[in-house]
Amino acid sequence: MLKEGSDFYYNDHGDMVFTKEFLERRGFCCQSGCTHCPYDLMEEIDPSIPLEFQLAQDEEGREEESEEDLEEEYT
């Protein structure tokens, strides 16, 4: 369960904003442009390929595949 103050807060517009600590505990970048995103994945991830496939490959330590290889595999 999320806890206001430690996991998120509401900004001046009433939007829920996740804290950096929460995002780090979550363990991955969701590609939503979070204000406090601690990951540098925003530019590295191809939005046309499901995020789960890309992160799973990186975590397993496999060699990075070319964009063409990924497109063939997941389309």
Foldseek 3Di string as FASTA:
>chain_A
DDDEPQQWHADPVRDTAGALVNLVVVPDDPLPPGPNDPDPCNVVDDPVADPVVVVVCVVVVHDDDDPVVRVVVGD
